[in-house]
PDB file of N, CA and C in Angstrom:
ATOM      1  N   MET A   1     105.692  96.282 108.537  1.00  0.00           N
ATOM      2  CA  MET A   1     104.341  96.705 108.854  1.00  0.00           C
ATOM      3  C   MET A   1     103.741  95.844 109.945  1.00  0.00           C
ATOM      4  N   CYS A   2     103.891  94.554 109.808  1.00  0.00           N
ATOM      5  CA  CYS A   2     103.352  93.632 110.807  1.00  0.00           C
ATOM      6  C   CYS A   2     104.060  93.824 112.144  1.00  0.00           C
ATOM      7  N   ILE A   3     105.361  94.122 112.102  1.00  0.00           N
ATOM      8  CA  ILE A   3     106.116  94.344 113.338  1.00  0.00           C
ATOM      9  C   ILE A   3     105.610  95.600 114.035  1.00  0.00           C
ATOM     10  N   THR A   4     105.273  96.618 113.284  1.00  0.00           N
ATOM     11  CA  THR A   4     104.753  97.856 113.874  1.00  0.00           C
ATOM     12  C   THR A   4     103.420  97.615 114.569  1.00  0.00           C
ATOM     13  N   ILE A   5     102.547  96.850 113.960  1.00  0.00           N
ATOM     14  CA  ILE A   5     101.246  96.547 114.572  1.00  0.00           C
ATOM     15  C   ILE A   5     101.442  95.746 115.856  1.00  0.00           C
ATOM     16  N   ILE A   6     102.334  94.759 115.830  1.00  0.00           N
ATOM     17  CA  ILE A   6     102.597  93.954 117.032  1.00  0.00           C
ATOM     18  C   ILE A   6     103.200  94.826 118.126  1.00  0.00           C
ATOM     19  N   LEU A   7     104.102  95.740 117.762  1.00  0.00           N
ATOM     20  CA  LEU A   7     104.710  96.636 118.741  1.00  0.00           C
ATOM     21  C   LEU A   7     103.671  97.554 119.374  1.00  0.00           C
ATOM     22  N   ILE A   8     102.758  98.069 118.590  1.00  0.00           N
ATOM     23  CA  ILE A   8     101.710  98.947 119.130  1.00  0.00           C
ATOM     24  C   ILE A   8     100.791  98.163 120.062  1.00  0.00           C
ATOM     25  N   ILE A   9     100.462  96.930 119.715  1.00  0.00           N
ATOM     26  CA  ILE A   9      99.617  96.100 120.587  1.00  0.00           C
ATOM     27  C   ILE A   9     100.332  95.815 121.906  1.00  0.00           C
ATOM     28  N   ILE A  10     101.637  95.539 121.855  1.00  0.00           N
ATOM     29  CA  ILE A  10     102.410  95.298 123.088  1.00  0.00           C
ATOM     30  C   ILE A  10     102.442  96.554 123.952  1.00  0.00           C
ATOM     31  N   ILE A  11     102.606  97.726 123.333  1.00  0.00           N
ATOM     32  CA  ILE A  11     102.602  98.986 124.091  1.00  0.00           C
ATOM     33  C   ILE A  11     101.253  99.199 124.764  1.00  0.00           C
ATOM     34  N   ILE A  12     100.166  98.909 124.059  1.00  0.00           N
ATOM     35  CA  ILE A  12      98.827  99.062 124.649  1.00  0.00           C
ATOM     36  C   ILE A  12      98.661  98.124 125.844  1.00  0.00           C
ATOM     37  N   ILE A  13      99.122  96.882 125.724  1.00  0.00           N
ATOM     38  CA  ILE A  13      99.003  95.921 126.834  1.00  0.00           C
ATOM     39  C   ILE A  13      99.834  96.379 128.030  1.00  0.00           C
ATOM     40  N   ILE A  14     101.055  96.873 127.794  1.00  0.00           N
ATOM     41  CA  ILE A  14     101.905  97.359 128.890  1.00  0.00           C
ATOM     42  C   ILE A  14     101.259  98.557 129.578  1.00  0.00           C
ATOM     43  N   ILE A  15     100.686  99.460 128.800  1.00  0.00           N
ATOM     44  CA  ILE A  15     100.032 100.640 129.389  1.00  0.00           C
ATOM     45  C   ILE A  15      98.831 100.222 130.234  1.00  0.00           C
ATOM     46  N   ILE A  16      98.063  99.239 129.775  1.00  0.00           N
ATOM     47  CA  ILE A  16      96.912  98.764 130.559  1.00  0.00           C
ATOM     48  C   ILE A  16      97.384  98.132 131.868  1.00  0.00           C
ATOM     49  N   ILE A  17      98.468  97.356 131.821  1.00  0.00           N
ATOM     50  CA  ILE A  17      98.995  96.732 133.051  1.00  0.00           C
ATOM     51  C   ILE A  17      99.483  97.802 134.028  1.00  0.00           C
ATOM     52  N   ILE A  18     100.199  98.814 133.526  1.00  0.00           N
ATOM     53  CA  ILE A  18     100.659  99.906 134.401  1.00  0.00           C
ATOM     54  C   ILE A  18      99.472 100.641 135.006  1.00  0.00           C
ATOM     55  N   GLN A  19      98.441 100.831 134.222  1.00  0.00           N
ATOM     56  CA  GLN A  19      97.259 101.521 134.734  1.00  0.00           C
ATOM     57  C   GLN A  19      96.569 100.705 135.827  1.00  0.00           C
ATOM     58  N   LEU A  20      96.513  99.407 135.662  1.00  0.00           N
ATOM     59  CA  LEU A  20      95.920  98.560 136.707  1.00  0.00           C
ATOM     60  C   LEU A  20      96.754  98.583 137.984  1.00  0.00           C
ATOM     61  N   ILE A  21      98.077  98.601 137.837  1.00  0.00           N
ATOM     62  CA  ILE A  21      98.944  98.685 139.024  1.00  0.00           C
ATOM     63  C   ILE A  21      98.737 100.014 139.739  1.00  0.00           C
ATOM     64  N   ILE A  22      98.625 101.096 138.977  1.00  0.00           N
ATOM     65  CA  ILE A  22      98.391 102.406 139.595  1.00  0.00           C
ATOM     66  C   ILE A  22      97.029 102.438 140.278  1.00  0.00           C
ATOM     67  N   GLN A  23      96.047 101.807 139.668  1.00  0.00           N
ATOM     68  CA  GLN A  23      94.726 101.749 140.303  1.00  0.00           C
ATOM     69  C   GLN A  23      94.797 100.996 141.625  1.00  0.00           C
ATOM     70  N   LEU A  24      95.565  99.926 141.639  1.00  0.00           N
ATOM     71  CA  LEU A  24      95.744  99.167 142.880  1.00  0.00           C
ATOM     72  C   LEU A  24      96.465 100.003 143.930  1.00  0.00           C
ATOM     73  N   LEU A  25      97.507 100.709 143.518  1.00  0.00           N
ATOM     74  CA  LEU A  25      98.219 101.585 144.459  1.00  0.00           C
ATOM     75  C   LEU A  25      97.312 102.704 144.952  1.00  0.00           C
ATOM     76  N   LEU A  26      96.494 103.205 144.073  1.00  0.00           N
ATOM     77  CA  LEU A  26      95.572 104.281 144.452  1.00  0.00           C
ATOM     78  C   LEU A  26      94.576 103.781 145.492  1.00  0.00           C
ATOM     79  N   THR A  27      94.067 102.600 145.306  1.00  0.00           N
ATOM     80  CA  THR A  27      93.133 102.018 146.273  1.00  0.00           C
ATOM     81  C   THR A  27      93.825 101.762 147.607  1.00  0.00           C
ATOM     82  N   THR A  28      95.042 101.251 147.558  1.00  0.00           N
ATOM     83  CA  THR A  28      95.793 100.987 148.791  1.00  0.00           C
ATOM     84  C   THR A  28      96.100 102.283 149.526  1.00  0.00           C
ATOM     85  N   THR A  29      96.497 103.321 148.799  1.00  0.00           N
ATOM     86  CA  THR A  29      96.813 104.606 149.424  1.00  0.00           C
ATOM     87  C   THR A  29      95.569 105.235 150.030  1.00  0.00           C
ATOM     88  N   THR A  30      94.450 105.111 149.372  1.00  0.00           N
ATOM     89  CA  THR A  30      93.204 105.648 149.920  1.00  0.00           C
ATOM     90  C   THR A  30      92.828 104.921 151.201  1.00  0.00           C
ATOM     91  N   THR A  31      93.043 103.630 151.245  1.00  0.00           N
ATOM     92  CA  THR A  31      92.742 102.862 152.453  1.00  0.00           C
ATOM     93  C   THR A  31      93.637 103.287 153.607  1.00  0.00           C
ATOM     94  N   THR A  32      94.922 103.497 153.345  1.00  0.00           N
ATOM     95  CA  THR A  32      95.816 103.936 154.427  1.00  0.00           C
ATOM     96  C   THR A  32      95.487 105.353 154.856  1.00  0.00           C
ATOM     97  N   THR A  33      94.989 106.177 153.948  1.00  0.00           N
ATOM     98  CA  THR A  33      94.601 107.539 154.315  1.00  0.00           C
ATOM     99  C   THR A  33      93.416 107.517 155.265  1.00  0.00           C
ATOM    100  N   THR A  34      92.433 106.697 154.992  1.00  0.00           N
ATOM    101  CA  THR A  34      91.288 106.630 155.898  1.00  0.00           C
ATOM    102  C   THR A  34      91.697 106.026 157.234  1.00  0.00           C
ATOM    103  N   THR A  35      92.672 105.135 157.213  1.00  0.00           N
ATOM    104  CA  THR A  35      93.149 104.565 158.476  1.00  0.00           C
ATOM    105  C   THR A  35      93.868 105.619 159.298  1.00  0.00           C
ATOM    106  N   THR A  36      94.670 106.454 158.650  1.00  0.00           N
ATOM    107  CA  THR A  36      95.397 107.480 159.405  1.00  0.00           C
ATOM    108  C   THR A  36      94.470 108.582 159.875  1.00  0.00           C
ATOM    109  N   THR A  37      93.387 108.824 159.187  1.00  0.00           N
ATOM    110  CA  THR A  37      92.479 109.873 159.653  1.00  0.00           C
ATOM    111  C   THR A  37      91.657 109.418 160.844  1.00  0.00           C
ATOM    112  N   THR A  38      91.500 108.119 161.006  1.00  0.00           N
ATOM    113  CA  THR A  38      90.739 107.667 162.165  1.00  0.00           C
ATOM    114  C   THR A  38      91.536 107.821 163.451  1.00  0.00           C
ATOM    115  N   THR A  39      92.850 107.715 163.359  1.00  0.00           N
ATOM    116  CA  THR A  39      93.673 107.965 164.555  1.00  0.00           C
ATOM    117  C   THR A  39      93.952 109.449 164.613  1.00  0.00           C
ATOM    118  N   THR A  40      93.627 110.081 165.693  1.00  0.00           N
ATOM    119  CA  THR A  40      93.677 111.553 165.760  1.00  0.00           C
ATOM    120  C   THR A  40      94.886 112.017 166.545  1.00  0.00           C
ATOM    121  N   THR A  41      96.046 111.673 166.080  1.00  0.00           N
ATOM    122  CA  THR A  41      97.263 112.218 166.687  1.00  0.00           C
ATOM    123  C   THR A  41      97.869 113.212 165.725  1.00  0.00           C
ATOM    124  N   ASN A  42      98.677 114.102 166.221  1.00  0.00           N
ATOM    125  CA  ASN A  42      99.268 115.146 165.383  1.00  0.00           C
ATOM    126  C   ASN A  42     100.326 114.582 164.438  1.00  0.00           C
ATOM    127  N   ASN A  43     100.968 113.513 164.802  1.00  0.00           N
ATOM    128  CA  ASN A  43     102.000 112.939 163.936  1.00  0.00           C
ATOM    129  C   ASN A  43     101.393 112.340 162.672  1.00  0.00           C
ATOM    130  N   ASN A  44     100.197 111.844 162.766  1.00  0.00           N
ATOM    131  CA  ASN A  44      99.586 111.195 161.606  1.00  0.00           C
ATOM    132  C   ASN A  44      99.066 112.209 160.592  1.00  0.00           C
ATOM    133  N   ASN A  45      98.906 113.450 160.980  1.00  0.00           N
ATOM    134  CA  ASN A  45      98.441 114.453 160.020  1.00  0.00           C
ATOM    135  C   ASN A  45      99.471 114.677 158.918  1.00  0.00           C
ATOM    136  N   ASN A  46     100.734 114.652 159.278  1.00  0.00           N
ATOM    137  CA  ASN A  46     101.786 114.808 158.279  1.00  0.00           C
ATOM    138  C   ASN A  46     101.788 113.616 157.323  1.00  0.00           C
ATOM    139  N   ASN A  47     101.594 112.429 157.863  1.00  0.00           N
ATOM    140  CA  ASN A  47     101.525 111.230 157.028  1.00  0.00           C
ATOM    141  C   ASN A  47     100.297 111.284 156.115  1.00  0.00           C
ATOM    142  N   ASN A  48      99.212 111.819 156.631  1.00  0.00           N
ATOM    143  CA  ASN A  48      97.995 111.949 155.834  1.00  0.00           C
ATOM    144  C   ASN A  48      98.214 112.908 154.660  1.00  0.00           C
ATOM    145  N   ASN A  49      98.921 114.011 154.899  1.00  0.00           N
ATOM    146  CA  ASN A  49      99.220 114.951 153.815  1.00  0.00           C
ATOM    147  C   ASN A  49     100.108 114.307 152.754  1.00  0.00           C
ATOM    148  N   ASN A  50     101.064 113.505 153.197  1.00  0.00           N
ATOM    149  CA  ASN A  50     101.922 112.796 152.238  1.00  0.00           C
ATOM    150  C   ASN A  50     101.105 111.823 151.398  1.00  0.00           C
ATOM    151  N   ASN A  51     100.157 111.155 152.028  1.00  0.00           N
ATOM    152  CA  ASN A  51      99.306 110.224 151.282  1.00  0.00           C
ATOM    153  C   ASN A  51      98.432 110.963 150.269  1.00  0.00           C
ATOM    154  N   ASN A  52      97.960 112.145 150.632  1.00  0.00           N
ATOM    155  CA  ASN A  52      97.162 112.928 149.684  1.00  0.00           C
ATOM    156  C   ASN A  52      97.997 113.341 148.474  1.00  0.00           C
ATOM    157  N   ILE A  53      99.243 113.700 148.706  1.00  0.00           N
ATOM    158  CA  ILE A  53     100.130 114.058 147.590  1.00  0.00           C
ATOM    159  C   ILE A  53     100.370 112.844 146.691  1.00  0.00           C
ATOM    160  N   ILE A  54     100.558 111.684 147.306  1.00  0.00           N
ATOM    161  CA  ILE A  54     100.751 110.453 146.527  1.00  0.00           C
ATOM    162  C   ILE A  54      99.505 110.155 145.697  1.00  0.00           C
ATOM    163  N   ILE A  55      98.335 110.344 146.276  1.00  0.00           N
ATOM    164  CA  ILE A  55      97.081 110.105 145.543  1.00  0.00           C
ATOM    165  C   ILE A  55      96.980 111.051 144.344  1.00  0.00           C
ATOM    166  N   ILE A  56      97.308 112.320 144.544  1.00  0.00           N
ATOM    167  CA  ILE A  56      97.237 113.289 143.444  1.00  0.00           C
ATOM    168  C   ILE A  56      98.231 112.922 142.334  1.00  0.00           C
ATOM    169  N   ILE A  57      99.437 112.534 142.725  1.00  0.00           N
ATOM    170  CA  ILE A  57     100.444 112.139 141.727  1.00  0.00           C
ATOM    171  C   ILE A  57      99.985 110.902 140.959  1.00  0.00           C
ATOM    172  N   LEU A  58      99.419 109.927 141.659  1.00  0.00           N
ATOM    173  CA  LEU A  58      98.950 108.712 140.990  1.00  0.00           C
ATOM    174  C   LEU A  58      97.787 109.003 140.041  1.00  0.00           C
ATOM    175  N   ILE A  59      96.907 109.904 140.439  1.00  0.00           N
ATOM    176  CA  ILE A  59      95.788 110.265 139.558  1.00  0.00           C
ATOM    177  C   ILE A  59      96.308 110.970 138.301  1.00  0.00           C
ATOM    178  N   ILE A  60      97.286 111.861 138.466  1.00  0.00           N
ATOM    179  CA  ILE A  60      97.858 112.553 137.304  1.00  0.00           C
ATOM    180  C   ILE A  60      98.546 111.556 136.366  1.00  0.00           C
ATOM    181  N   ILE A  61      99.303 110.622 136.944  1.00  0.00           N
ATOM    182  CA  ILE A  61      99.966 109.596 136.119  1.00  0.00           C
ATOM    183  C   ILE A  61      98.927 108.748 135.390  1.00  0.00           C
ATOM    184  N   GLN A  62      97.846 108.429 136.087  1.00  0.00           N
ATOM    185  CA  GLN A  62      96.808 107.615 135.462  1.00  0.00           C
ATOM    186  C   GLN A  62      96.129 108.368 134.312  1.00  0.00           C
ATOM    187  N   LEU A  63      95.910 109.650 134.473  1.00  0.00           N
ATOM    188  CA  LEU A  63      95.317 110.434 133.391  1.00  0.00           C
ATOM    189  C   LEU A  63      96.259 110.534 132.190  1.00  0.00           C
ATOM    190  N   ILE A  64      97.545 110.692 132.465  1.00  0.00           N
ATOM    191  CA  ILE A  64      98.522 110.733 131.366  1.00  0.00           C
ATOM    192  C   ILE A  64      98.551 109.395 130.632  1.00  0.00           C
ATOM    193  N   ILE A  65      98.505 108.308 131.390  1.00  0.00           N
ATOM    194  CA  ILE A  65      98.511 106.978 130.772  1.00  0.00           C
ATOM    195  C   ILE A  65      97.238 106.760 129.958  1.00  0.00           C
ATOM    196  N   GLN A  66      96.121 107.253 130.465  1.00  0.00           N
ATOM    197  CA  GLN A  66      94.871 107.129 129.712  1.00  0.00           C
ATOM    198  C   GLN A  66      94.948 107.901 128.395  1.00  0.00           C
ATOM    199  N   LEU A  67      95.556 109.071 128.457  1.00  0.00           N
ATOM    200  CA  LEU A  67      95.738 109.861 127.238  1.00  0.00           C
ATOM    201  C   LEU A  67      96.652 109.141 126.247  1.00  0.00           C
ATOM    202  N   LEU A  68      97.737 108.577 126.746  1.00  0.00           N
ATOM    203  CA  LEU A  68      98.641 107.816 125.876  1.00  0.00           C
ATOM    204  C   LEU A  68      97.947 106.605 125.272  1.00  0.00           C
ATOM    205  N   LEU A  69      97.144 105.956 126.077  1.00  0.00           N
ATOM    206  CA  LEU A  69      96.432 104.774 125.594  1.00  0.00           C
ATOM    207  C   LEU A  69      95.463 105.147 124.476  1.00  0.00           C
ATOM    208  N   THR A  70      94.722 106.217 124.683  1.00  0.00           N
ATOM    209  CA  THR A  70      93.773 106.664 123.664  1.00  0.00           C
ATOM    210  C   THR A  70      94.499 107.090 122.392  1.00  0.00           C
ATOM    211  N   THR A  71      95.582 107.846 122.551  1.00  0.00           N
ATOM    212  CA  THR A  71      96.341 108.296 121.384  1.00  0.00           C
ATOM    213  C   THR A  71      96.939 107.115 120.634  1.00  0.00           C
ATOM    214  N   THR A  72      97.494 106.160 121.354  1.00  0.00           N
ATOM    215  CA  THR A  72      98.092 104.989 120.705  1.00  0.00           C
ATOM    216  C   THR A  72      97.033 104.174 119.985  1.00  0.00           C
ATOM    217  N   TYR A  73      95.866 104.038 120.604  1.00  0.00           N
ATOM    218  CA  TYR A  73      94.798 103.259 119.974  1.00  0.00           C
ATOM    219  C   TYR A  73      94.328 103.919 118.687  1.00  0.00           C
ATOM    220  N   TYR A  74      94.122 105.242 118.751  1.00  0.00           N
ATOM    221  CA  TYR A  74      93.670 105.924 117.545  1.00  0.00           C
ATOM    222  C   TYR A  74      94.741 105.938 116.470  1.00  0.00           C
ATOM    223  N   TYR A  75      96.002 106.070 116.870  1.00  0.00           N
ATOM    224  CA  TYR A  75      97.085 106.025 115.891  1.00  0.00           C
ATOM    225  C   TYR A  75      97.143 104.651 115.235  1.00  0.00           C
ATOM    226  N   TYR A  76      96.974 103.621 116.030  1.00  0.00           N
ATOM    227  CA  TYR A  76      96.996 102.258 115.489  1.00  0.00           C
ATOM    228  C   TYR A  76      95.835 102.057 114.516  1.00  0.00           C
ATOM    229  N   TYR A  77      94.664 102.540 114.902  1.00  0.00           N
ATOM    230  CA  TYR A  77      93.488 102.379 114.035  1.00  0.00           C
ATOM    231  C   TYR A  77      93.670 103.140 112.727  1.00  0.00           C
ATOM    232  N   TYR A  78      94.163 104.376 112.826  1.00  0.00           N
ATOM    233  CA  TYR A  78      94.363 105.193 111.633  1.00  0.00           C
ATOM    234  C   TYR A  78      95.444 104.582 110.752  1.00  0.00           C
ATOM    235  N   TYR A  79      96.519 104.134 111.360  1.00  0.00           N
ATOM    236  CA  TYR A  79      97.621 103.556 110.588  1.00  0.00           C
ATOM    237  C   TYR A  79      97.168 102.280 109.896  1.00  0.00           C
ATOM    238  N   TYR A  80      96.405 101.455 110.578  1.00  0.00           N
ATOM    239  CA  TYR A  80      95.919 100.214 109.992  1.00  0.00           C
ATOM    240  C   TYR A  80      94.949 100.512 108.851  1.00  0.00           C
ATOM    241  N   TYR A  81      94.069 101.476 109.073  1.00  0.00           N
ATOM    242  CA  TYR A  81      93.109 101.838 108.035  1.00  0.00           C
ATOM    243  C   TYR A  81      93.830 102.402 106.820  1.00  0.00           C
ATOM    244  N   TYR A  82      94.825 103.248 107.061  1.00  0.00           N
ATOM    245  CA  TYR A  82      95.584 103.828 105.961  1.00  0.00           C
ATOM    246  C   TYR A  82      96.330 102.740 105.208  1.00  0.00           C
ATOM    247  N   PHE A  83      96.929 101.814 105.903  1.00  0.00           N
ATOM    248  CA  PHE A  83      97.656 100.729 105.247  1.00  0.00           C
ATOM    249  C   PHE A  83      96.698  99.871 104.430  1.00  0.00           C
ATOM    250  N   TYR A  84      95.539  99.580 104.995  1.00  0.00           N
ATOM    251  CA  TYR A  84      94.558  98.764 104.282  1.00  0.00           C
ATOM    252  C   TYR A  84      94.088  99.482 103.026  1.00  0.00           C
ATOM    253  N   TYR A  85      93.833 100.768 103.161  1.00  0.00           N
ATOM    254  CA  TYR A  85      93.387 101.541 102.006  1.00  0.00           C
ATOM    255  C   TYR A  85      94.483 101.597 100.946  1.00  0.00           C
ATOM    256  N   TYR A  86      95.699 101.826 101.370  1.00  0.00           N
ATOM    257  CA  TYR A  86      96.813 101.901 100.433  1.00  0.00           C
ATOM    258  C   TYR A  86      97.027 100.556  99.751  1.00  0.00           C
ATOM    259  N   TYR A  87      96.945  99.494 100.511  1.00  0.00           N
ATOM    260  CA  TYR A  87      97.128  98.163  99.949  1.00  0.00           C
ATOM    261  C   TYR A  87      96.010  97.859  98.953  1.00  0.00           C
ATOM    262  N   TYR A  88      94.800  98.207  99.321  1.00  0.00           N
ATOM    263  CA  TYR A  88      93.668  97.965  98.428  1.00  0.00           C
ATOM    264  C   TYR A  88      93.823  98.780  97.151  1.00  0.00           C
ATOM    265  N   TYR A  89      94.236 100.022  97.297  1.00  0.00           N
ATOM    266  CA  TYR A  89      94.427 100.869  96.132  1.00  0.00           C
ATOM    267  C   TYR A  89      95.544 100.314  95.260  1.00  0.00           C
ATOM    268  N   TYR A  90      96.614  99.909  95.885  1.00  0.00           N
ATOM    269  CA  TYR A  90      97.732  99.355  95.129  1.00  0.00           C
ATOM    270  C   TYR A  90      97.308  98.069  94.430  1.00  0.00           C
ATOM    271  N   TYR A  91      96.585  97.236  95.116  1.00  0.00           N
ATOM    272  CA  TYR A  91      96.132  95.984  94.522  1.00  0.00           C
ATOM    273  C   TYR A  91      95.188  96.267  93.359  1.00  0.00           C
ATOM    274  N   TYR A  92      94.301  97.208  93.565  1.00  0.00           N
ATOM    275  CA  TYR A  92      93.367  97.554  92.503  1.00  0.00           C
ATOM    276  C   TYR A  92      94.118  98.127  91.310  1.00  0.00           C
ATOM    277  N   TYR A  93      95.055  98.992  91.590  1.00  0.00           N
ATOM    278  CA  TYR A  93      95.824  99.586  90.508  1.00  0.00           C
ATOM    279  C   TYR A  93      96.639  98.513  89.784  1.00  0.00           C
ATOM    280  N   TYR A  94      97.240  97.641  90.540  1.00  0.00           N
ATOM    281  CA  TYR A  94      98.027  96.578  89.938  1.00  0.00           C
ATOM    282  C   TYR A  94      97.127  95.654  89.121  1.00  0.00           C
ATOM    283  N   TYR A  95      95.984  95.348  89.686  1.00  0.00           N
ATOM    284  CA  TYR A  95      95.050  94.489  88.970  1.00  0.00           C
ATOM    285  C   TYR A  95      94.567  95.179  87.705  1.00  0.00           C
ATOM    286  N   TYR A  96      94.271  96.442  87.822  1.00  0.00           N
ATOM    287  CA  TYR A  96      93.833  97.190  86.658  1.00  0.00           C
ATOM    288  C   TYR A  96      94.947  97.252  85.624  1.00  0.00           C
ATOM    289  N   TYR A  97      96.131  97.522  86.085  1.00  0.00           N
ATOM    290  CA  TYR A  97      97.257  97.584  85.174  1.00  0.00           C
ATOM    291  C   TYR A  97      97.495  96.216  84.537  1.00  0.00           C
ATOM    292  N   TYR A  98      97.421  95.208  85.352  1.00  0.00           N
ATOM    293  CA  TYR A  98      97.624  93.869  84.829  1.00  0.00           C
ATOM    294  C   TYR A  98      96.517  93.525  83.836  1.00  0.00           C
ATOM    295  N   TYR A  99      95.314  93.869  84.190  1.00  0.00           N
ATOM    296  CA  TYR A  99      94.199  93.601  83.294  1.00  0.00           C
ATOM    297  C   TYR A  99      94.363  94.388  82.003  1.00  0.00           C
ATOM    298  N   TYR A 100      94.741  95.623  82.147  1.00  0.00           N
ATOM    299  CA  TYR A 100      94.938  96.447  80.968  1.00  0.00           C
ATOM    300  C   TYR A 100      96.075  95.890  80.124  1.00  0.00           C
ATOM    301  N   TYR A 101      97.132  95.530  80.783  1.00  0.00           N
ATOM    302  CA  TYR A 101      98.262  94.976  80.058  1.00  0.00           C
ATOM    303  C   TYR A 101      97.875  93.657  79.386  1.00  0.00           C
ATOM    304  N   TYR A 102      97.149  92.860  80.121  1.00  0.00           N
ATOM    305  CA  TYR A 102      96.724  91.592  79.560  1.00  0.00           C
ATOM    306  C   TYR A 102      95.786  91.828  78.379  1.00  0.00           C
ATOM    307  N   TYR A 103      94.898  92.767  78.560  1.00  0.00           N
ATOM    308  CA  TYR A 103      93.982  93.080  77.478  1.00  0.00           C
ATOM    309  C   TYR A 103      94.743  93.617  76.275  1.00  0.00           C
ATOM    310  N   TYR A 104      95.668  94.491  76.545  1.00  0.00           N
ATOM    311  CA  TYR A 104      96.459  95.044  75.468  1.00  0.00           C
ATOM    312  C   TYR A 104      97.269  93.943  74.794  1.00  0.00           C
ATOM    313  N   TYR A 105      97.848  93.106  75.596  1.00  0.00           N
ATOM    314  CA  TYR A 105      98.626  92.015  75.047  1.00  0.00           C
ATOM    315  C   TYR A 105      97.729  91.080  74.240  1.00  0.00           C
ATOM    316  N   TYR A 106      96.576  90.811  74.807  1.00  0.00           N
ATOM    317  CA  TYR A 106      95.644  89.947  74.105  1.00  0.00           C
ATOM    318  C   TYR A 106      95.206  90.609  72.805  1.00  0.00           C
ATOM    319  N   TYR A 107      94.930  91.870  72.873  1.00  0.00           N
ATOM    320  CA  TYR A 107      94.531  92.592  71.683  1.00  0.00           C
ATOM    321  C   TYR A 107      95.668  92.599  70.677  1.00  0.00           C
ATOM    322  N   TYR A 108      96.833  92.862  71.170  1.00  0.00           N
ATOM    323  CA  TYR A 108      97.977  92.871  70.292  1.00  0.00           C
ATOM    324  C   TYR A 108      98.203  91.484  69.699  1.00  0.00           C
ATOM    325  N   TYR A 109      98.068  90.508  70.540  1.00  0.00           N
ATOM    326  CA  TYR A 109      98.250  89.154  70.062  1.00  0.00           C
ATOM    327  C   TYR A 109      97.165  88.806  69.042  1.00  0.00           C
ATOM    328  N   TYR A 110      95.970  89.219  69.359  1.00  0.00           N
ATOM    329  CA  TYR A 110      94.878  88.969  68.439  1.00  0.00           C
ATOM    330  C   TYR A 110      95.113  89.713  67.132  1.00  0.00           C
ATOM    331  N   TYR A 111      95.532  90.932  67.279  1.00  0.00           N
ATOM    332  CA  TYR A 111      95.810  91.711  66.094  1.00  0.00           C
ATOM    333  C   TYR A 111      96.954  91.075  65.317  1.00  0.00           C
ATOM    334  N   TYR A 112      97.946  90.687  66.025  1.00  0.00           N
ATOM    335  CA  TYR A 112      99.070  90.051  65.381  1.00  0.00           C
ATOM    336  C   TYR A 112      98.639  88.735  64.743  1.00  0.00           C
ATOM    337  N   TYR A 113      97.843  88.013  65.472  1.00  0.00           N
ATOM    338  CA  TYR A 113      97.360  86.762  64.934  1.00  0.00           C
ATOM    339  C   TYR A 113      96.482  87.030  63.716  1.00  0.00           C
ATOM    340  N   TYR A 114      95.665  88.021  63.849  1.00  0.00           N
ATOM    341  CA  TYR A 114      94.820  88.382  62.728  1.00  0.00           C
ATOM    342  C   TYR A 114      95.677  88.833  61.559  1.00  0.00           C
ATOM    343  N   TYR A 115      96.642  89.635  61.861  1.00  0.00           N
ATOM    344  CA  TYR A 115      97.529  90.101  60.831  1.00  0.00           C
ATOM    345  C   TYR A 115      98.293  88.921  60.226  1.00  0.00           C
ATOM    346  N   TYR A 116      98.719  88.065  61.088  1.00  0.00           N
ATOM    347  CA  TYR A 116      99.422  86.896  60.629  1.00  0.00           C
ATOM    348  C   TYR A 116      98.490  86.019  59.801  1.00  0.00           C
ATOM    349  N   TYR A 117      97.285  85.902  60.285  1.00  0.00           N
ATOM    350  CA  TYR A 117      96.300  85.120  59.573  1.00  0.00           C
ATOM    351  C   TYR A 117      96.011  85.766  58.219  1.00  0.00           C
ATOM    352  N   TYR A 118      95.883  87.043  58.241  1.00  0.00           N
ATOM    353  CA  TYR A 118      95.645  87.766  57.022  1.00  0.00           C
ATOM    354  C   TYR A 118      96.847  87.645  56.089  1.00  0.00           C
ATOM    355  N   TYR A 119      97.974  87.760  56.677  1.00  0.00           N
ATOM    356  CA  TYR A 119      99.181  87.667  55.908  1.00  0.00           C
ATOM    357  C   TYR A 119      99.392  86.248  55.379  1.00  0.00           C
ATOM    358  N   TYR A 120      98.960  85.290  56.167  1.00  0.00           N
ATOM    359  CA  TYR A 120      99.157  83.911  55.789  1.00  0.00           C
ATOM    360  C   TYR A 120      98.319  83.549  54.573  1.00  0.00           C
ATOM    361  N   TYR A 121      97.100  84.050  54.571  1.00  0.00           N
ATOM    362  CA  TYR A 121      96.259  83.704  53.423  1.00  0.00           C
ATOM    363  C   TYR A 121      96.553  84.649  52.307  1.00  0.00           C
TER     364      TYR A 121
END
């Protein structure tokens, strides 16, 4: 269980780092696009179109990563909450069972002691 939580946290950190790298690439590509649009030669128009395609691809990748990040975060939260609830329920049940058993044992012991006491006199 602990390994799963650590693995999910590592995945979230890796996704955030990839998203920051894509944001940096997106900013760099946008800067080169504005640079190529300022020079008005016909050869640079093809390069400008390639940069626009790269920007669109990077935005799509970033949206997919954002979706994965949100899904992983909610899955982690739900899984942790479910584990906590299950553990609490199990602990409560065990405690109740233990208490009941102890009470029963105590009662039985008391009864036995009483019976023994009664029998003794």
